[in-house]
PDB file of N, CA and C in Angstrom:
ATOM      1  N   MET A   1     134.073  79.170 181.507  1.00  0.00           N
ATOM      2  CA  MET A   1     134.112  79.083 180.246  1.00  0.00           C
ATOM      3  C   MET A   1     135.306  79.044 178.957  1.00  0.00           C
ATOM      4  N   GLU A   2     136.031  79.254 180.039  1.00  0.00           N
ATOM      5  CA  GLU A   2     137.178  80.195 179.107  1.00  0.00           C
ATOM      6  C   GLU A   2     138.172  78.247 178.644  1.00  0.00           C
ATOM      7  N   ARG A   3     138.002  77.638 179.557  1.00  0.00           N
ATOM      8  CA  ARG A   3     138.658  76.427 179.116  1.00  0.00           C
ATOM      9  C   ARG A   3     137.918  75.527 178.070  1.00  0.00           C
ATOM     10  N   VAL A   4     136.404  75.763 177.917  1.00  0.00           N
ATOM     11  CA  VAL A   4     135.892  75.221 176.756  1.00  0.00           C
ATOM     12  C   VAL A   4     136.754  75.352 175.691  1.00  0.00           C
ATOM     13  N   VAL A   5     137.146  74.582 174.951  1.00  0.00           N
ATOM     14  CA  VAL A   5     137.989  75.010 173.591  1.00  0.00           C
ATOM     15  C   VAL A   5     137.332  74.001 172.049  1.00  0.00           C
ATOM     16  N   ALA A   6     136.772  72.928 172.546  1.00  0.00           N
ATOM     17  CA  ALA A   6     136.120  72.013 171.918  1.00  0.00           C
ATOM     18  C   ALA A   6     134.508  72.433 171.306  1.00  0.00           C
ATOM     19  N   PRO A   7     134.204  72.226 170.615  1.00  0.00           N
ATOM     20  CA  PRO A   7     132.784  72.319 170.043  1.00  0.00           C
ATOM     21  C   PRO A   7     131.955  71.590 171.095  1.00  0.00           C
ATOM     22  N   VAL A   8     130.292  72.205 171.163  1.00  0.00           N
ATOM     23  CA  VAL A   8     129.829  71.007 172.059  1.00  0.00           C
ATOM     24  C   VAL A   8     128.426  70.911 171.488  1.00  0.00           C
ATOM     25  N   LEU A   9     127.890  70.023 171.935  1.00  0.00           N
ATOM     26  CA  LEU A   9     126.625  69.409 171.605  1.00  0.00           C
ATOM     27  C   LEU A   9     125.957  69.067 172.496  1.00  0.00           C
ATOM     28  N   LEU A  10     124.780  69.823 172.730  1.00  0.00           N
ATOM     29  CA  LEU A  10     123.944  69.117 173.789  1.00  0.00           C
ATOM     30  C   LEU A  10     122.754  68.505 173.510  1.00  0.00           C
ATOM     31  N   ILE A  11     122.240  67.391 173.885  1.00  0.00           N
ATOM     32  CA  ILE A  11     121.121  66.696 173.245  1.00  0.00           C
ATOM     33  C   ILE A  11     120.159  66.111 174.741  1.00  0.00           C
ATOM     34  N   HIS A  12     118.955  66.719 174.450  1.00  0.00           N
ATOM     35  CA  HIS A  12     118.200  66.598 175.549  1.00  0.00           C
ATOM     36  C   HIS A  12     116.421  66.108 175.129  1.00  0.00           C
ATOM     37  N   GLY A  13     115.984  65.406 176.141  1.00  0.00           N
ATOM     38  CA  GLY A  13     114.798  65.120 175.997  1.00  0.00           C
ATOM     39  C   GLY A  13     113.782  66.243 176.748  1.00  0.00           C
ATOM     40  N   SER A  14     112.565  66.672 176.092  1.00  0.00           N
ATOM     41  CA  SER A  14     112.050  67.646 176.622  1.00  0.00           C
ATOM     42  C   SER A  14     110.845  66.953 178.032  1.00  0.00           C
ATOM     43  N   ASP A  15     110.601  66.019 177.759  1.00  0.00           N
ATOM     44  CA  ASP A  15     110.456  65.383 178.970  1.00  0.00           C
ATOM     45  C   ASP A  15     111.321  64.453 180.516  1.00  0.00           C
ATOM     46  N   ASP A  16     112.297  65.297 180.146  1.00  0.00           N
ATOM     47  CA  ASP A  16     113.550  65.061 180.897  1.00  0.00           C
ATOM     48  C   ASP A  16     112.686  65.276 182.783  1.00  0.00           C
ATOM     49  N   ARG A  17     112.422  64.086 183.056  1.00  0.00           N
ATOM     50  CA  ARG A  17     112.254  64.528 184.913  1.00  0.00           C
ATOM     51  C   ARG A  17     113.686  64.100 186.022  1.00  0.00           C
ATOM     52  N   VAL A  18     114.699  64.191 185.326  1.00  0.00           N
ATOM     53  CA  VAL A  18     116.006  64.096 185.827  1.00  0.00           C
ATOM     54  C   VAL A  18     116.672  65.258 185.778  1.00  0.00           C
ATOM     55  N   VAL A  19     116.686  65.758 185.084  1.00  0.00           N
ATOM     56  CA  VAL A  19     117.623  66.918 184.532  1.00  0.00           C
ATOM     57  C   VAL A  19     116.519  67.600 183.602  1.00  0.00           C
ATOM     58  N   SER A  20     116.210  68.778 184.008  1.00  0.00           N
ATOM     59  CA  SER A  20     115.100  69.906 183.436  1.00  0.00           C
ATOM     60  C   SER A  20     116.120  70.191 181.744  1.00  0.00           C
ATOM     61  N   PRO A  21     115.281  70.150 181.206  1.00  0.00           N
ATOM     62  CA  PRO A  21     115.797  70.902 179.763  1.00  0.00           C
ATOM     63  C   PRO A  21     116.225  72.070 179.934  1.00  0.00           C
ATOM     64  N   ARG A  22     115.854  73.006 181.094  1.00  0.00           N
ATOM     65  CA  ARG A  22     116.243  74.051 180.984  1.00  0.00           C
ATOM     66  C   ARG A  22     117.617  74.468 181.372  1.00  0.00           C
ATOM     67  N   GLN A  23     118.418  73.239 181.602  1.00  0.00           N
ATOM     68  CA  GLN A  23     119.861  73.151 182.184  1.00  0.00           C
ATOM     69  C   GLN A  23     120.453  73.183 181.469  1.00  0.00           C
ATOM     70  N   SER A  24     119.964  72.411 179.871  1.00  0.00           N
ATOM     71  CA  SER A  24     120.759  72.510 178.827  1.00  0.00           C
ATOM     72  C   SER A  24     120.372  73.974 178.033  1.00  0.00           C
ATOM     73  N   GLU A  25     119.495  74.629 178.247  1.00  0.00           N
ATOM     74  CA  GLU A  25     119.289  75.729 177.061  1.00  0.00           C
ATOM     75  C   GLU A  25     120.250  76.929 178.460  1.00  0.00           C
ATOM     76  N   ILE A  26     120.096  76.745 179.533  1.00  0.00           N
ATOM     77  CA  ILE A  26     120.999  77.937 180.271  1.00  0.00           C
ATOM     78  C   ILE A  26     122.558  77.453 179.753  1.00  0.00           C
ATOM     79  N   MET A  27     122.535  76.436 180.101  1.00  0.00           N
ATOM     80  CA  MET A  27     124.317  76.018 179.157  1.00  0.00           C
ATOM     81  C   MET A  27     124.557  76.464 177.789  1.00  0.00           C
ATOM     82  N   LYS A  28     123.776  76.381 176.971  1.00  0.00           N
ATOM     83  CA  LYS A  28     123.839  76.771 175.794  1.00  0.00           C
ATOM     84  C   LYS A  28     124.108  78.512 175.641  1.00  0.00           C
ATOM     85  N   GLN A  29     123.173  79.003 176.496  1.00  0.00           N
ATOM     86  CA  GLN A  29     123.034  80.274 176.181  1.00  0.00           C
ATOM     87  C   GLN A  29     124.658  81.277 177.154  1.00  0.00           C
ATOM     88  N   ALA A  30     125.137  80.397 178.021  1.00  0.00           N
ATOM     89  CA  ALA A  30     126.638  80.936 178.913  1.00  0.00           C
ATOM     90  C   ALA A  30     127.494  80.530 177.738  1.00  0.00           C
ATOM     91  N   LEU A  31     127.412  79.402 176.807  1.00  0.00           N
ATOM     92  CA  LEU A  31     128.404  79.048 176.150  1.00  0.00           C
ATOM     93  C   LEU A  31     128.280  79.818 174.799  1.00  0.00           C
ATOM     94  N   GLU A  32     127.123  80.220 174.372  1.00  0.00           N
ATOM     95  CA  GLU A  32     127.152  81.715 173.135  1.00  0.00           C
ATOM     96  C   GLU A  32     127.675  82.746 173.906  1.00  0.00           C
ATOM     97  N   ARG A  33     127.076  83.099 175.221  1.00  0.00           N
ATOM     98  CA  ARG A  33     127.960  84.483 175.619  1.00  0.00           C
ATOM     99  C   ARG A  33     129.236  84.104 175.629  1.00  0.00           C
ATOM    100  N   ALA A  34     129.983  83.274 175.801  1.00  0.00           N
ATOM    101  CA  ALA A  34     131.356  83.283 175.322  1.00  0.00           C
ATOM    102  C   ALA A  34     132.042  83.010 174.512  1.00  0.00           C
ATOM    103  N   GLY A  35     131.181  83.381 173.043  1.00  0.00           N
ATOM    104  CA  GLY A  35     132.032  83.114 172.208  1.00  0.00           C
ATOM    105  C   GLY A  35     132.161  81.571 171.827  1.00  0.00           C
ATOM    106  N   LYS A  36     131.458  80.520 172.149  1.00  0.00           N
ATOM    107  CA  LYS A  36     131.620  79.282 172.110  1.00  0.00           C
ATOM    108  C   LYS A  36     130.842  78.427 171.012  1.00  0.00           C
ATOM    109  N   ASN A  37     131.428  77.602 170.215  1.00  0.00           N
ATOM    110  CA  ASN A  37     130.586  76.743 169.395  1.00  0.00           C
ATOM    111  C   ASN A  37     129.860  75.614 169.666  1.00  0.00           C
ATOM    112  N   VAL A  38     128.831  75.808 169.985  1.00  0.00           N
ATOM    113  CA  VAL A  38     127.576  75.067 170.768  1.00  0.00           C
ATOM    114  C   VAL A  38     125.913  74.866 169.644  1.00  0.00           C
ATOM    115  N   LYS A  39     125.928  73.679 170.086  1.00  0.00           N
ATOM    116  CA  LYS A  39     124.154  73.032 169.821  1.00  0.00           C
ATOM    117  C   LYS A  39     123.430  72.583 170.289  1.00  0.00           C
ATOM    118  N   LEU A  40     122.302  72.671 170.417  1.00  0.00           N
ATOM    119  CA  LEU A  40     121.427  72.089 171.328  1.00  0.00           C
ATOM    120  C   LEU A  40     120.494  71.326 170.629  1.00  0.00           C
ATOM    121  N   VAL A  41     120.135  70.175 170.958  1.00  0.00           N
ATOM    122  CA  VAL A  41     118.990  69.674 170.407  1.00  0.00           C
ATOM    123  C   VAL A  41     117.910  68.955 171.084  1.00  0.00           C
ATOM    124  N   ILE A  42     116.669  69.192 171.401  1.00  0.00           N
ATOM    125  CA  ILE A  42     115.645  68.928 172.085  1.00  0.00           C
ATOM    126  C   ILE A  42     114.852  68.061 171.463  1.00  0.00           C
ATOM    127  N   TYR A  43     114.446  66.854 171.908  1.00  0.00           N
ATOM    128  CA  TYR A  43     113.692  65.596 171.312  1.00  0.00           C
ATOM    129  C   TYR A  43     112.131  66.020 172.184  1.00  0.00           C
ATOM    130  N   ASP A  44     111.222  66.654 171.465  1.00  0.00           N
ATOM    131  CA  ASP A  44     110.259  66.788 172.121  1.00  0.00           C
ATOM    132  C   ASP A  44     109.291  65.349 172.346  1.00  0.00           C
ATOM    133  N   GLY A  45     108.844  65.377 173.548  1.00  0.00           N
ATOM    134  CA  GLY A  45     108.393  63.999 174.006  1.00  0.00           C
ATOM    135  C   GLY A  45     109.185  62.881 174.592  1.00  0.00           C
ATOM    136  N   SER A  46     110.686  62.960 174.791  1.00  0.00           N
ATOM    137  CA  SER A  46     111.834  62.408 175.108  1.00  0.00           C
ATOM    138  C   SER A  46     111.961  62.565 176.319  1.00  0.00           C
ATOM    139  N   ASP A  47     112.686  61.372 177.021  1.00  0.00           N
ATOM    140  CA  ASP A  47     112.967  61.517 178.753  1.00  0.00           C
ATOM    141  C   ASP A  47     114.264  61.615 178.688  1.00  0.00           C
ATOM    142  N   HIS A  48     114.856  61.165 179.902  1.00  0.00           N
ATOM    143  CA  HIS A  48     116.142  61.202 180.216  1.00  0.00           C
ATOM    144  C   HIS A  48     117.152  60.352 179.239  1.00  0.00           C
ATOM    145  N   SER A  49     116.345  59.148 179.174  1.00  0.00           N
ATOM    146  CA  SER A  49     117.102  58.193 178.532  1.00  0.00           C
ATOM    147  C   SER A  49     117.070  58.391 177.079  1.00  0.00           C
ATOM    148  N   LEU A  50     116.345  59.284 176.767  1.00  0.00           N
ATOM    149  CA  LEU A  50     116.025  59.540 174.948  1.00  0.00           C
ATOM    150  C   LEU A  50     114.839  58.230 174.849  1.00  0.00           C
ATOM    151  N   GLY A  51     114.569  57.958 175.641  1.00  0.00           N
ATOM    152  CA  GLY A  51     113.003  57.429 175.508  1.00  0.00           C
ATOM    153  C   GLY A  51     113.196  56.384 174.173  1.00  0.00           C
ATOM    154  N   GLY A  52     113.947  55.461 173.871  1.00  0.00           N
ATOM    155  CA  GLY A  52     113.939  53.982 173.005  1.00  0.00           C
ATOM    156  C   GLY A  52     114.665  54.248 171.903  1.00  0.00           C
ATOM    157  N   PRO A  53     115.015  53.363 171.134  1.00  0.00           N
ATOM    158  CA  PRO A  53     115.685  53.028 170.061  1.00  0.00           C
ATOM    159  C   PRO A  53     115.111  54.182 168.870  1.00  0.00           C
ATOM    160  N   PRO A  54     114.173  54.632 168.546  1.00  0.00           N
ATOM    161  CA  PRO A  54     114.078  55.458 167.551  1.00  0.00           C
ATOM    162  C   PRO A  54     114.358  57.079 167.625  1.00  0.00           C
ATOM    163  N   VAL A  55     114.602  57.563 169.262  1.00  0.00           N
ATOM    164  CA  VAL A  55     115.203  58.881 169.267  1.00  0.00           C
ATOM    165  C   VAL A  55     116.605  58.242 169.415  1.00  0.00           C
ATOM    166  N   ARG A  56     117.204  57.362 170.140  1.00  0.00           N
ATOM    167  CA  ARG A  56     118.546  57.367 170.171  1.00  0.00           C
ATOM    168  C   ARG A  56     119.139  57.150 168.910  1.00  0.00           C
ATOM    169  N   ALA A  57     118.373  56.570 168.016  1.00  0.00           N
ATOM    170  CA  ALA A  57     118.975  56.275 166.361  1.00  0.00           C
ATOM    171  C   ALA A  57     118.890  57.768 165.876  1.00  0.00           C
ATOM    172  N   ARG A  58     117.929  58.823 166.502  1.00  0.00           N
ATOM    173  CA  ARG A  58     118.193  59.704 165.653  1.00  0.00           C
ATOM    174  C   ARG A  58     119.181  60.675 166.606  1.00  0.00           C
ATOM    175  N   ALA A  59     119.206  60.404 167.877  1.00  0.00           N
ATOM    176  CA  ALA A  59     120.436  61.444 168.638  1.00  0.00           C
ATOM    177  C   ALA A  59     122.126  60.696 168.115  1.00  0.00           C
ATOM    178  N   PHE A  60     122.206  59.702 167.684  1.00  0.00           N
ATOM    179  CA  PHE A  60     123.211  59.059 166.861  1.00  0.00           C
ATOM    180  C   PHE A  60     123.545  59.820 165.516  1.00  0.00           C
ATOM    181  N   THR A  61     122.813  59.821 164.705  1.00  0.00           N
ATOM    182  CA  THR A  61     122.717  60.541 163.251  1.00  0.00           C
ATOM    183  C   THR A  61     123.269  61.868 163.829  1.00  0.00           C
ATOM    184  N   GLU A  62     122.574  62.499 164.782  1.00  0.00           N
ATOM    185  CA  GLU A  62     123.296  63.755 164.912  1.00  0.00           C
ATOM    186  C   GLU A  62     124.354  64.198 165.698  1.00  0.00           C
ATOM    187  N   ILE A  63     124.705  63.135 166.497  1.00  0.00           N
ATOM    188  CA  ILE A  63     126.137  63.163 166.922  1.00  0.00           C
ATOM    189  C   ILE A  63     126.947  63.147 165.508  1.00  0.00           C
ATOM    190  N   GLU A  64     126.815  61.907 164.942  1.00  0.00           N
ATOM    191  CA  GLU A  64     127.506  61.526 163.928  1.00  0.00           C
ATOM    192  C   GLU A  64     128.066  62.767 162.978  1.00  0.00           C
ATOM    193  N   ALA A  65     126.854  63.640 162.704  1.00  0.00           N
ATOM    194  CA  ALA A  65     126.705  64.920 161.547  1.00  0.00           C
ATOM    195  C   ALA A  65     127.970  66.221 162.680  1.00  0.00           C
ATOM    196  N   PHE A  66     127.564  65.847 163.730  1.00  0.00           N
ATOM    197  CA  PHE A  66     128.321  67.117 164.524  1.00  0.00           C
ATOM    198  C   PHE A  66     129.625  66.676 164.385  1.00  0.00           C
ATOM    199  N   LEU A  67     130.078  65.413 164.815  1.00  0.00           N
ATOM    200  CA  LEU A  67     131.307  65.217 164.742  1.00  0.00           C
ATOM    201  C   LEU A  67     132.112  65.354 163.741  1.00  0.00           C
ATOM    202  N   ALA A  68     131.377  65.137 162.195  1.00  0.00           N
ATOM    203  CA  ALA A  68     131.822  64.901 160.920  1.00  0.00           C
ATOM    204  C   ALA A  68     131.821  66.751 160.611  1.00  0.00           C
ATOM    205  N   LYS A  69     131.156  67.330 160.939  1.00  0.00           N
ATOM    206  CA  LYS A  69     131.488  68.842 160.942  1.00  0.00           C
ATOM    207  C   LYS A  69     132.253  69.604 161.627  1.00  0.00           C
ATOM    208  N   SER A  70     132.548  68.969 163.011  1.00  0.00           N
ATOM    209  CA  SER A  70     133.709  69.587 164.135  1.00  0.00           C
ATOM    210  C   SER A  70     134.706  69.221 163.496  1.00  0.00           C
ATOM    211  N   LEU A  71     135.178  68.132 163.023  1.00  0.00           N
ATOM    212  CA  LEU A  71     136.258  67.584 163.030  1.00  0.00           C
ATOM    213  C   LEU A  71     136.787  67.811 161.637  1.00  0.00           C
ATOM    214  N   SER A  72     135.916  68.232 160.652  1.00  0.00           N
ATOM    215  CA  SER A  72     136.364  69.025 159.379  1.00  0.00           C
ATOM    216  C   SER A  72     136.798  70.174 159.421  1.00  0.00           C
ATOM    217  N   GLY A  73     136.534  70.837 160.742  1.00  0.00           N
ATOM    218  CA  GLY A  73     137.000  72.354 160.635  1.00  0.00           C
ATOM    219  C   GLY A  73     135.744  73.137 160.462  1.00  0.00           C
ATOM    220  N   SER A  74     134.491  72.730 159.825  1.00  0.00           N
ATOM    221  CA  SER A  74     133.447  73.574 159.591  1.00  0.00           C
ATOM    222  C   SER A  74     132.550  74.350 160.644  1.00  0.00           C
ATOM    223  N   LYS A  75     132.232  75.684 160.988  1.00  0.00           N
ATOM    224  CA  LYS A  75     131.622  75.900 161.845  1.00  0.00           C
ATOM    225  C   LYS A  75     130.093  75.866 161.513  1.00  0.00           C
TER     226      LYS A  75
END
């Protein structure tokens, strides 16, 4: 974890059958314990591919906001 220097955004679907959403929760907790800047977004009812255009559009909006905040130096 000490090598993680950039803010981390984790996005997961609650119905992901490829990778358990719990994996993202575990990663978030580990990053927080290490004092890292991390955000986890879980989309209810969405699968591994984020379930289609509406959810993907929300994910892109989330990514855009995260990058804007991270690149501006805000926490």
